[in-house]
Amino acid sequence: MAIITHQKTVIEDNWDKVCDEANLSEIDRKLFWHRQFLNPYALEELEGITQGCNIMP
């Protein structure tokens, strides 16, 4: 569980920077967020991990 928590933190902390480097539009960022990355359904069995996953950074 610590690995997943760390991965979640790293993705959230670096999301804007990575999207900027990839030249993603605001629409693409919103499409990827919680669909391709940090999809809450993929983590729904893990208590505490999905908290805070439904807010766009």
Protein backbone atom coordinates (compact mmCIF):
# COMPACT_ATOMS: atom_id res chain seq x y z
CA MET A 1 0.00 0.00 0.00
CA ALA A 2 2.92 2.37 0.64
CA ILE A 3 4.04 2.00 -2.98
CA ILE A 4 0.59 2.93 -4.30
CA THR A 5 0.36 5.88 -1.93
CA HIS A 6 3.77 7.09 -3.09
CA GLN A 7 2.84 6.71 -6.77
CA LYS A 8 -0.38 8.67 -6.19
CA THR A 9 1.54 11.47 -4.48
CA VAL A 10 4.16 11.63 -7.24
CA ILE A 11 1.50 11.79 -9.97
CA GLU A 12 -0.45 14.51 -8.17
CA ASP A 13 2.67 16.55 -7.37
CA ASN A 14 4.00 16.42 -10.93
CA TRP A 15 0.80 16.41 -12.99
CA ASP A 16 0.95 20.01 -14.18
CA LYS A 17 4.66 19.89 -14.98
CA VAL A 18 4.36 16.69 -17.02
CA CYS A 19 1.29 17.99 -18.88
CA ASP A 20 3.17 21.20 -19.67
CA GLU A 21 6.17 19.25 -20.99
CA ALA A 22 3.85 17.13 -23.15
CA ASN A 23 2.08 20.27 -24.42
CA LEU A 24 -1.30 18.84 -23.45
CA SER A 25 -4.29 21.09 -23.89
CA GLU A 26 -6.61 21.75 -20.96
CA ILE A 27 -9.15 19.41 -22.56
CA ASP A 28 -6.60 16.59 -22.86
CA ARG A 29 -5.49 17.11 -19.25
CA LYS A 30 -9.07 16.77 -18.06
CA LEU A 31 -9.61 13.69 -20.23
CA PHE A 32 -6.54 11.94 -18.83
CA TRP A 33 -7.06 12.93 -15.19
CA HIS A 34 -8.90 10.13 -13.36
CA ARG A 35 -9.38 8.18 -16.53
CA GLN A 36 -5.87 7.15 -17.49
CA PHE A 37 -4.22 8.26 -14.25
CA LEU A 38 -5.57 7.79 -10.73
CA ASN A 39 -8.82 6.25 -11.84
CA PRO A 40 -10.71 5.90 -8.54
CA TYR A 41 -12.36 2.66 -9.66
CA ALA A 42 -8.97 0.98 -10.00
CA LEU A 43 -8.23 1.76 -6.36
CA GLU A 44 -11.70 1.41 -4.80
CA GLU A 45 -10.76 -1.66 -2.74
CA LEU A 46 -7.89 0.16 -1.04
CA GLU A 47 -9.04 2.14 1.99
CA GLY A 48 -7.76 5.70 2.23
CA ILE A 49 -6.10 5.76 -1.18
CA THR A 50 -9.02 7.18 -3.12
CA GLN A 51 -9.65 10.05 -0.73
CA GLY A 52 -9.00 13.30 -2.52
CA CYS A 53 -8.84 11.63 -5.92
CA ASN A 54 -11.83 13.44 -7.32
CA ILE A 55 -10.37 16.94 -7.49
CA MET A 56 -8.59 18.21 -10.59
CA PRO A 57 -5.18 19.60 -9.58
